[in-house]
PDB file of N, CA and C in Angstrom:
ATOM      1  N   UNK A   1      54.043 140.080   2.162  1.00  0.00           N
ATOM      2  CA  UNK A   1      53.421 140.346   3.449  1.00  0.00           C
ATOM      3  C   UNK A   1      54.447 141.033   4.337  1.00  0.00           C
ATOM      4  N   UNK A   2      54.040 142.124   4.985  1.00  0.00           N
ATOM      5  CA  UNK A   2      54.950 142.855   5.852  1.00  0.00           C
ATOM      6  C   UNK A   2      55.147 142.167   7.189  1.00  0.00           C
ATOM      7  N   UNK A   3      56.155 142.643   7.913  1.00  0.00           N
ATOM      8  CA  UNK A   3      56.450 142.079   9.234  1.00  0.00           C
ATOM      9  C   UNK A   3      55.266 142.196  10.179  1.00  0.00           C
ATOM     10  N   UNK A   4      54.560 143.337  10.120  1.00  0.00           N
ATOM     11  CA  UNK A   4      53.439 143.523  11.041  1.00  0.00           C
ATOM     12  C   UNK A   4      52.308 142.550  10.723  1.00  0.00           C
ATOM     13  N   UNK A   5      52.070 142.281   9.435  1.00  0.00           N
ATOM     14  CA  UNK A   5      51.044 141.305   9.052  1.00  0.00           C
ATOM     15  C   UNK A   5      51.432 139.909   9.512  1.00  0.00           C
ATOM     16  N   UNK A   6      52.695 139.565   9.325  1.00  0.00           N
ATOM     17  CA  UNK A   6      53.176 138.246   9.739  1.00  0.00           C
ATOM     18  C   UNK A   6      53.088 138.095  11.252  1.00  0.00           C
ATOM     19  N   UNK A   7      53.440 139.141  11.982  1.00  0.00           N
ATOM     20  CA  UNK A   7      53.383 139.043  13.442  1.00  0.00           C
ATOM     21  C   UNK A   7      51.934 138.987  13.925  1.00  0.00           C
ATOM     22  N   UNK A   8      51.027 139.668  13.218  1.00  0.00           N
ATOM     23  CA  UNK A   8      49.606 139.626  13.572  1.00  0.00           C
ATOM     24  C   UNK A   8      49.058 138.215  13.361  1.00  0.00           C
ATOM     25  N   UNK A   9      49.397 137.608  12.229  1.00  0.00           N
ATOM     26  CA  UNK A   9      48.957 136.238  11.948  1.00  0.00           C
ATOM     27  C   UNK A   9      49.555 135.281  12.972  1.00  0.00           C
ATOM     28  N   UNK A  10      50.807 135.511  13.331  1.00  0.00           N
ATOM     29  CA  UNK A  10      51.447 134.676  14.355  1.00  0.00           C
ATOM     30  C   UNK A  10      50.708 134.814  15.694  1.00  0.00           C
ATOM     31  N   UNK A  11      50.290 136.025  16.032  1.00  0.00           N
ATOM     32  CA  UNK A  11      49.520 136.254  17.257  1.00  0.00           C
ATOM     33  C   UNK A  11      48.201 135.487  17.210  1.00  0.00           C
ATOM     34  N   UNK A  12      47.491 135.587  16.092  1.00  0.00           N
ATOM     35  CA  UNK A  12      46.210 134.880  15.948  1.00  0.00           C
ATOM     36  C   UNK A  12      46.436 133.376  16.064  1.00  0.00           C
ATOM     37  N   UNK A  13      47.485 132.890  15.409  1.00  0.00           N
ATOM     38  CA  UNK A  13      47.853 131.468  15.490  1.00  0.00           C
ATOM     39  C   UNK A  13      48.049 131.073  16.955  1.00  0.00           C
ATOM     40  N   UNK A  14      48.810 131.853  17.687  1.00  0.00           N
ATOM     41  CA  UNK A  14      49.086 131.581  19.105  1.00  0.00           C
ATOM     42  C   UNK A  14      47.789 131.563  19.925  1.00  0.00           C
ATOM     43  N   UNK A  15      46.909 132.523  19.670  1.00  0.00           N
ATOM     44  CA  UNK A  15      45.648 132.590  20.413  1.00  0.00           C
ATOM     45  C   UNK A  15      44.734 131.415  20.066  1.00  0.00           C
ATOM     46  N   UNK A  16      44.757 130.980  18.816  1.00  0.00           N
ATOM     47  CA  UNK A  16      43.981 129.793  18.431  1.00  0.00           C
ATOM     48  C   UNK A  16      44.489 128.577  19.195  1.00  0.00           C
ATOM     49  N   UNK A  17      45.798 128.461  19.327  1.00  0.00           N
ATOM     50  CA  UNK A  17      46.362 127.346  20.101  1.00  0.00           C
ATOM     51  C   UNK A  17      45.859 127.383  21.540  1.00  0.00           C
ATOM     52  N   UNK A  18      45.727 128.575  22.108  1.00  0.00           N
ATOM     53  CA  UNK A  18      45.170 128.704  23.465  1.00  0.00           C
ATOM     54  C   UNK A  18      43.718 128.225  23.486  1.00  0.00           C
ATOM     55  N   UNK A  19      42.961 128.583  22.459  1.00  0.00           N
ATOM     56  CA  UNK A  19      41.569 128.121  22.364  1.00  0.00           C
ATOM     57  C   UNK A  19      41.509 126.596  22.309  1.00  0.00           C
ATOM     58  N   UNK A  20      42.432 126.002  21.572  1.00  0.00           N
ATOM     59  CA  UNK A  20      42.463 124.541  21.456  1.00  0.00           C
ATOM     60  C   UNK A  20      42.715 123.891  22.813  1.00  0.00           C
ATOM     61  N   UNK A  21      43.535 124.532  23.637  1.00  0.00           N
ATOM     62  CA  UNK A  21      43.797 124.004  24.981  1.00  0.00           C
ATOM     63  C   UNK A  21      42.532 123.977  25.832  1.00  0.00           C
ATOM     64  N   UNK A  22      41.603 124.875  25.512  1.00  0.00           N
ATOM     65  CA  UNK A  22      40.328 124.926  26.229  1.00  0.00           C
ATOM     66  C   UNK A  22      39.229 124.152  25.498  1.00  0.00           C
ATOM     67  N   UNK A  23      39.639 123.351  24.520  1.00  0.00           N
ATOM     68  CA  UNK A  23      38.719 122.470  23.779  1.00  0.00           C
ATOM     69  C   UNK A  23      37.594 123.236  23.092  1.00  0.00           C
ATOM     70  N   UNK A  24      37.912 124.407  22.565  1.00  0.00           N
ATOM     71  CA  UNK A  24      36.906 125.231  21.906  1.00  0.00           C
ATOM     72  C   UNK A  24      36.717 124.805  20.457  1.00  0.00           C
ATOM     73  N   UNK A  25      35.515 125.037  19.942  1.00  0.00           N
ATOM     74  CA  UNK A  25      35.260 124.862  18.519  1.00  0.00           C
ATOM     75  C   UNK A  25      35.800 126.094  17.789  1.00  0.00           C
ATOM     76  N   UNK A  26      35.828 126.014  16.476  1.00  0.00           N
ATOM     77  CA  UNK A  26      36.263 127.171  15.692  1.00  0.00           C
ATOM     78  C   UNK A  26      35.351 128.364  15.976  1.00  0.00           C
ATOM     79  N   UNK A  27      34.046 128.112  16.042  1.00  0.00           N
ATOM     80  CA  UNK A  27      33.090 129.187  16.279  1.00  0.00           C
ATOM     81  C   UNK A  27      33.288 129.810  17.664  1.00  0.00           C
ATOM     82  N   UNK A  28      33.508 128.973  18.674  1.00  0.00           N
ATOM     83  CA  UNK A  28      33.756 129.485  20.025  1.00  0.00           C
ATOM     84  C   UNK A  28      35.039 130.310  20.060  1.00  0.00           C
ATOM     85  N   UNK A  29      36.043 129.848  19.355  1.00  0.00           N
ATOM     86  CA  UNK A  29      37.320 130.559  19.293  1.00  0.00           C
ATOM     87  C   UNK A  29      37.151 131.900  18.584  1.00  0.00           C
ATOM     88  N   UNK A  30      36.429 131.895  17.476  1.00  0.00           N
ATOM     89  CA  UNK A  30      36.186 133.140  16.747  1.00  0.00           C
ATOM     90  C   UNK A  30      35.488 134.158  17.648  1.00  0.00           C
ATOM     91  N   UNK A  31      34.498 133.691  18.389  1.00  0.00           N
ATOM     92  CA  UNK A  31      33.757 134.580  19.291  1.00  0.00           C
ATOM     93  C   UNK A  31      34.653 135.097  20.419  1.00  0.00           C
ATOM     94  N   UNK A  32      35.427 134.198  21.011  1.00  0.00           N
ATOM     95  CA  UNK A  32      36.304 134.589  22.122  1.00  0.00           C
ATOM     96  C   UNK A  32      37.363 135.595  21.671  1.00  0.00           C
ATOM     97  N   UNK A  33      37.989 135.336  20.525  1.00  0.00           N
ATOM     98  CA  UNK A  33      39.035 136.254  20.056  1.00  0.00           C
ATOM     99  C   UNK A  33      38.450 137.592  19.635  1.00  0.00           C
ATOM    100  N   UNK A  34      37.249 137.572  19.095  1.00  0.00           N
ATOM    101  CA  UNK A  34      36.589 138.821  18.735  1.00  0.00           C
ATOM    102  C   UNK A  34      36.286 139.644  19.985  1.00  0.00           C
ATOM    103  N   UNK A  35      35.763 138.979  20.997  1.00  0.00           N
ATOM    104  CA  UNK A  35      35.360 139.669  22.226  1.00  0.00           C
ATOM    105  C   UNK A  35      36.551 140.122  23.066  1.00  0.00           C
ATOM    106  N   UNK A  36      37.524 139.247  23.245  1.00  0.00           N
ATOM    107  CA  UNK A  36      38.598 139.529  24.195  1.00  0.00           C
ATOM    108  C   UNK A  36      39.866 140.113  23.568  1.00  0.00           C
ATOM    109  N   UNK A  37      40.091 139.838  22.279  1.00  0.00           N
ATOM    110  CA  UNK A  37      41.316 140.338  21.639  1.00  0.00           C
ATOM    111  C   UNK A  37      41.017 141.266  20.466  1.00  0.00           C
ATOM    112  N   UNK A  38      39.717 141.524  20.247  1.00  0.00           N
ATOM    113  CA  UNK A  38      39.296 142.430  19.156  1.00  0.00           C
ATOM    114  C   UNK A  38      39.836 141.980  17.795  1.00  0.00           C
ATOM    115  N   UNK A  39      39.838 140.652  17.576  1.00  0.00           N
ATOM    116  CA  UNK A  39      40.302 140.102  16.301  1.00  0.00           C
ATOM    117  C   UNK A  39      39.081 139.770  15.456  1.00  0.00           C
ATOM    118  N   UNK A  40      39.081 140.260  14.235  1.00  0.00           N
ATOM    119  CA  UNK A  40      37.979 140.023  13.308  1.00  0.00           C
ATOM    120  C   UNK A  40      37.773 138.520  13.136  1.00  0.00           C
ATOM    121  N   UNK A  41      36.539 138.035  13.308  1.00  0.00           N
ATOM    122  CA  UNK A  41      36.269 136.604  13.156  1.00  0.00           C
ATOM    123  C   UNK A  41      36.705 136.026  11.805  1.00  0.00           C
ATOM    124  N   UNK A  42      36.685 136.852  10.761  1.00  0.00           N
ATOM    125  CA  UNK A  42      37.129 136.378   9.441  1.00  0.00           C
ATOM    126  C   UNK A  42      38.617 136.021   9.484  1.00  0.00           C
ATOM    127  N   UNK A  43      39.398 136.811  10.194  1.00  0.00           N
ATOM    128  CA  UNK A  43      40.839 136.540  10.329  1.00  0.00           C
ATOM    129  C   UNK A  43      41.043 135.238  11.091  1.00  0.00           C
ATOM    130  N   UNK A  44      40.335 135.089  12.215  1.00  0.00           N
ATOM    131  CA  UNK A  44      40.459 133.864  13.011  1.00  0.00           C
ATOM    132  C   UNK A  44      40.072 132.653  12.180  1.00  0.00           C
ATOM    133  N   UNK A  45      38.972 132.761  11.460  1.00  0.00           N
ATOM    134  CA  UNK A  45      38.503 131.653  10.626  1.00  0.00           C
ATOM    135  C   UNK A  45      39.523 131.291   9.552  1.00  0.00           C
ATOM    136  N   UNK A  46      40.101 132.295   8.923  1.00  0.00           N
ATOM    137  CA  UNK A  46      41.088 132.061   7.865  1.00  0.00           C
ATOM    138  C   UNK A  46      42.333 131.369   8.414  1.00  0.00           C
ATOM    139  N   UNK A  47      42.840 131.860   9.542  1.00  0.00           N
ATOM    140  CA  UNK A  47      44.031 131.249  10.142  1.00  0.00           C
ATOM    141  C   UNK A  47      43.703 129.830  10.599  1.00  0.00           C
ATOM    142  N   UNK A  48      42.526 129.637  11.191  1.00  0.00           N
ATOM    143  CA  UNK A  48      42.101 128.297  11.640  1.00  0.00           C
ATOM    144  C   UNK A  48      42.081 127.334  10.451  1.00  0.00           C
ATOM    145  N   UNK A  49      41.484 127.770   9.336  1.00  0.00           N
ATOM    146  CA  UNK A  49      41.406 126.903   8.143  1.00  0.00           C
ATOM    147  C   UNK A  49      42.792 126.528   7.639  1.00  0.00           C
ATOM    148  N   UNK A  50      43.715 127.480   7.651  1.00  0.00           N
ATOM    149  CA  UNK A  50      45.081 127.185   7.220  1.00  0.00           C
ATOM    150  C   UNK A  50      45.748 126.189   8.168  1.00  0.00           C
ATOM    151  N   UNK A  51      45.510 126.359   9.459  1.00  0.00           N
ATOM    152  CA  UNK A  51      46.059 125.405  10.431  1.00  0.00           C
ATOM    153  C   UNK A  51      45.481 124.011  10.193  1.00  0.00           C
ATOM    154  N   UNK A  52      44.187 123.948   9.875  1.00  0.00           N
ATOM    155  CA  UNK A  52      43.558 122.657   9.576  1.00  0.00           C
ATOM    156  C   UNK A  52      44.202 121.998   8.358  1.00  0.00           C
ATOM    157  N   UNK A  53      44.491 122.795   7.337  1.00  0.00           N
ATOM    158  CA  UNK A  53      45.138 122.257   6.128  1.00  0.00           C
ATOM    159  C   UNK A  53      46.523 121.707   6.450  1.00  0.00           C
ATOM    160  N   UNK A  54      47.276 122.457   7.251  1.00  0.00           N
ATOM    161  CA  UNK A  54      48.653 122.078   7.573  1.00  0.00           C
ATOM    162  C   UNK A  54      48.733 120.940   8.585  1.00  0.00           C
ATOM    163  N   UNK A  55      47.677 120.763   9.380  1.00  0.00           N
ATOM    164  CA  UNK A  55      47.685 119.781  10.473  1.00  0.00           C
ATOM    165  C   UNK A  55      46.409 118.939  10.445  1.00  0.00           C
ATOM    166  N   UNK A  56      46.129 118.372   9.280  1.00  0.00           N
ATOM    167  CA  UNK A  56      44.867 117.660   9.075  1.00  0.00           C
ATOM    168  C   UNK A  56      44.644 116.560  10.118  1.00  0.00           C
ATOM    169  N   UNK A  57      45.650 115.744  10.359  1.00  0.00           N
ATOM    170  CA  UNK A  57      45.498 114.630  11.305  1.00  0.00           C
ATOM    171  C   UNK A  57      45.224 115.135  12.720  1.00  0.00           C
ATOM    172  N   UNK A  58      45.914 116.190  13.119  1.00  0.00           N
ATOM    173  CA  UNK A  58      45.690 116.745  14.454  1.00  0.00           C
ATOM    174  C   UNK A  58      44.246 117.192  14.610  1.00  0.00           C
ATOM    175  N   UNK A  59      43.741 117.952  13.633  1.00  0.00           N
ATOM    176  CA  UNK A  59      42.388 118.483  13.758  1.00  0.00           C
ATOM    177  C   UNK A  59      41.329 117.389  13.677  1.00  0.00           C
ATOM    178  N   UNK A  60      41.586 116.334  12.918  1.00  0.00           N
ATOM    179  CA  UNK A  60      40.653 115.207  12.897  1.00  0.00           C
ATOM    180  C   UNK A  60      40.592 114.561  14.279  1.00  0.00           C
ATOM    181  N   UNK A  61      41.755 114.339  14.885  1.00  0.00           N
ATOM    182  CA  UNK A  61      41.811 113.746  16.228  1.00  0.00           C
ATOM    183  C   UNK A  61      41.206 114.706  17.258  1.00  0.00           C
ATOM    184  N   UNK A  62      41.485 115.993  17.114  1.00  0.00           N
ATOM    185  CA  UNK A  62      40.950 117.005  18.031  1.00  0.00           C
ATOM    186  C   UNK A  62      39.427 116.999  17.993  1.00  0.00           C
ATOM    187  N   UNK A  63      38.888 116.970  16.798  1.00  0.00           N
ATOM    188  CA  UNK A  63      37.437 116.964  16.632  1.00  0.00           C
ATOM    189  C   UNK A  63      36.819 115.718  17.254  1.00  0.00           C
ATOM    190  N   UNK A  64      37.441 114.590  17.024  1.00  0.00           N
ATOM    191  CA  UNK A  64      36.948 113.333  17.593  1.00  0.00           C
ATOM    192  C   UNK A  64      37.004 113.375  19.123  1.00  0.00           C
ATOM    193  N   UNK A  65      38.109 113.838  19.676  1.00  0.00           N
ATOM    194  CA  UNK A  65      38.238 113.940  21.140  1.00  0.00           C
ATOM    195  C   UNK A  65      37.205 114.897  21.723  1.00  0.00           C
ATOM    196  N   UNK A  66      36.956 115.996  21.022  1.00  0.00           N
ATOM    197  CA  UNK A  66      35.947 116.959  21.484  1.00  0.00           C
ATOM    198  C   UNK A  66      34.572 116.318  21.521  1.00  0.00           C
ATOM    199  N   UNK A  67      34.231 115.578  20.471  1.00  0.00           N
ATOM    200  CA  UNK A  67      32.931 114.902  20.422  1.00  0.00           C
ATOM    201  C   UNK A  67      32.813 113.895  21.557  1.00  0.00           C
ATOM    202  N   UNK A  68      33.870 113.123  21.789  1.00  0.00           N
ATOM    203  CA  UNK A  68      33.853 112.142  22.876  1.00  0.00           C
ATOM    204  C   UNK A  68      33.694 112.840  24.220  1.00  0.00           C
ATOM    205  N   UNK A  69      34.420 113.927  24.400  1.00  0.00           N
ATOM    206  CA  UNK A  69      34.355 114.678  25.656  1.00  0.00           C
ATOM    207  C   UNK A  69      32.946 115.227  25.878  1.00  0.00           C
ATOM    208  N   UNK A  70      32.338 115.760  24.824  1.00  0.00           N
ATOM    209  CA  UNK A  70      30.987 116.299  24.940  1.00  0.00           C
ATOM    210  C   UNK A  70      29.996 115.187  25.261  1.00  0.00           C
ATOM    211  N   UNK A  71      30.166 114.041  24.631  1.00  0.00           N
ATOM    212  CA  UNK A  71      29.294 112.900  24.889  1.00  0.00           C
ATOM    213  C   UNK A  71      29.418 112.454  26.345  1.00  0.00           C
ATOM    214  N   UNK A  72      30.642 112.405  26.848  1.00  0.00           N
ATOM    215  CA  UNK A  72      30.867 112.032  28.251  1.00  0.00           C
ATOM    216  C   UNK A  72      30.225 113.045  29.192  1.00  0.00           C
ATOM    217  N   UNK A  73      30.335 114.319  28.862  1.00  0.00           N
ATOM    218  CA  UNK A  73      29.745 115.354  29.709  1.00  0.00           C
ATOM    219  C   UNK A  73      28.222 115.255  29.704  1.00  0.00           C
ATOM    220  N   UNK A  74      27.641 115.014  28.530  1.00  0.00           N
ATOM    221  CA  UNK A  74      26.191 114.867  28.442  1.00  0.00           C
ATOM    222  C   UNK A  74      25.723 113.667  29.245  1.00  0.00           C
ATOM    223  N   UNK A  75      26.446 112.555  29.154  1.00  0.00           N
ATOM    224  CA  UNK A  75      26.099 111.358  29.919  1.00  0.00           C
ATOM    225  C   UNK A  75      26.187 111.647  31.410  1.00  0.00           C
ATOM    226  N   UNK A  76      27.245 112.310  31.828  1.00  0.00           N
ATOM    227  CA  UNK A  76      27.426 112.657  33.242  1.00  0.00           C
ATOM    228  C   UNK A  76      26.284 113.542  33.730  1.00  0.00           C
ATOM    229  N   UNK A  77      25.890 114.530  32.908  1.00  0.00           N
ATOM    230  CA  UNK A  77      24.798 115.424  33.291  1.00  0.00           C
ATOM    231  C   UNK A  77      23.483 114.662  33.423  1.00  0.00           C
ATOM    232  N   UNK A  78      23.231 113.724  32.514  1.00  0.00           N
ATOM    233  CA  UNK A  78      22.008 112.916  32.598  1.00  0.00           C
ATOM    234  C   UNK A  78      21.987 112.081  33.867  1.00  0.00           C
ATOM    235  N   UNK A  79      23.125 111.476  34.188  1.00  0.00           N
ATOM    236  CA  UNK A  79      23.213 110.656  35.399  1.00  0.00           C
ATOM    237  C   UNK A  79      22.965 111.519  36.635  1.00  0.00           C
ATOM    238  N   UNK A  80      23.600 112.688  36.683  1.00  0.00           N
ATOM    239  CA  UNK A  80      23.403 113.584  37.828  1.00  0.00           C
ATOM    240  C   UNK A  80      21.949 114.031  37.939  1.00  0.00           C
ATOM    241  N   UNK A  81      21.323 114.292  36.804  1.00  0.00           N
ATOM    242  CA  UNK A  81      19.914 114.691  36.806  1.00  0.00           C
ATOM    243  C   UNK A  81      19.047 113.552  37.331  1.00  0.00           C
ATOM    244  N   UNK A  82      19.300 112.335  36.862  1.00  0.00           N
ATOM    245  CA  UNK A  82      18.537 111.179  37.339  1.00  0.00           C
ATOM    246  C   UNK A  82      18.730 110.978  38.837  1.00  0.00           C
ATOM    247  N   UNK A  83      19.966 111.101  39.300  1.00  0.00           N
ATOM    248  CA  UNK A  83      20.240 110.950  40.731  1.00  0.00           C
ATOM    249  C   UNK A  83      19.530 112.036  41.539  1.00  0.00           C
ATOM    250  N   UNK A  84      19.549 113.240  41.024  1.00  0.00           N
ATOM    251  CA  UNK A  84      18.894 114.352  41.700  1.00  0.00           C
ATOM    252  C   UNK A  84      17.386 114.129  41.764  1.00  0.00           C
ATOM    253  N   UNK A  85      16.806 113.703  40.642  1.00  0.00           N
ATOM    254  CA  UNK A  85      15.370 113.422  40.609  1.00  0.00           C
ATOM    255  C   UNK A  85      15.027 112.273  41.544  1.00  0.00           C
ATOM    256  N   UNK A  86      15.868 111.260  41.555  1.00  0.00           N
ATOM    257  CA  UNK A  86      15.649 110.101  42.422  1.00  0.00           C
ATOM    258  C   UNK A  86      15.718 110.510  43.890  1.00  0.00           C
ATOM    259  N   UNK A  87      16.670 111.356  44.225  1.00  0.00           N
ATOM    260  CA  UNK A  87      16.799 111.827  45.605  1.00  0.00           C
ATOM    261  C   UNK A  87      15.573 112.642  45.995  1.00  0.00           C
ATOM    262  N   UNK A  88      15.056 113.430  45.069  1.00  0.00           N
ATOM    263  CA  UNK A  88      13.848 114.217  45.324  1.00  0.00           C
ATOM    264  C   UNK A  88      12.642 113.332  45.551  1.00  0.00           C
ATOM    265  N   UNK A  89      12.531 112.246  44.779  1.00  0.00           N
ATOM    266  CA  UNK A  89      11.428 111.301  44.949  1.00  0.00           C
ATOM    267  C   UNK A  89      11.535 110.599  46.294  1.00  0.00           C
ATOM    268  N   UNK A  90      12.746 110.232  46.695  1.00  0.00           N
ATOM    269  CA  UNK A  90      12.951 109.575  47.988  1.00  0.00           C
ATOM    270  C   UNK A  90      12.514 110.493  49.126  1.00  0.00           C
ATOM    271  N   UNK A  91      12.830 111.769  49.021  1.00  0.00           N
ATOM    272  CA  UNK A  91      12.446 112.737  50.045  1.00  0.00           C
ATOM    273  C   UNK A  91      10.931 112.865  50.103  1.00  0.00           C
ATOM    274  N   UNK A  92      10.282 112.915  48.932  1.00  0.00           N
ATOM    275  CA  UNK A  92       8.825 113.000  48.877  1.00  0.00           C
ATOM    276  C   UNK A  92       8.182 111.770  49.503  1.00  0.00           C
ATOM    277  N   UNK A  93       8.720 110.586  49.219  1.00  0.00           N
ATOM    278  CA  UNK A  93       8.169 109.342  49.753  1.00  0.00           C
ATOM    279  C   UNK A  93       8.318 109.272  51.267  1.00  0.00           C
ATOM    280  N   UNK A  94       9.394 109.808  51.811  1.00  0.00           N
ATOM    281  CA  UNK A  94       9.616 109.779  53.258  1.00  0.00           C
ATOM    282  C   UNK A  94       8.644 110.708  53.983  1.00  0.00           C
ATOM    283  N   UNK A  95       8.206 111.758  53.313  1.00  0.00           N
ATOM    284  CA  UNK A  95       7.280 112.714  53.923  1.00  0.00           C
ATOM    285  C   UNK A  95       5.871 112.142  54.014  1.00  0.00           C
ATOM    286  N   UNK A  96       5.557 111.187  53.162  1.00  0.00           N
ATOM    287  CA  UNK A  96       4.190 110.639  53.118  1.00  0.00           C
ATOM    288  C   UNK A  96       3.913 109.718  54.232  1.00  0.00           C
TER     289      UNK A  96
END
């Protein structure tokens, strides 16, 4: 592998790490790097898979944390929706 190939892979690796900081999935990262850095999604996917192999425990924990975070966000959204609906009902009842 030439220096330019190695530096390109290193760049993709670095950008994937940035995606991880934003709690992105592999698919979200592939899309973001394709759109913003013009990196072929196949390259991103390949580098991501290699990182997963080399850092299995990290990615297992990352995936679990992402799921927990998404669950918390969904719960928060449901609560806000219920509160909003409840506030709307209270306003309707006061008008009657």
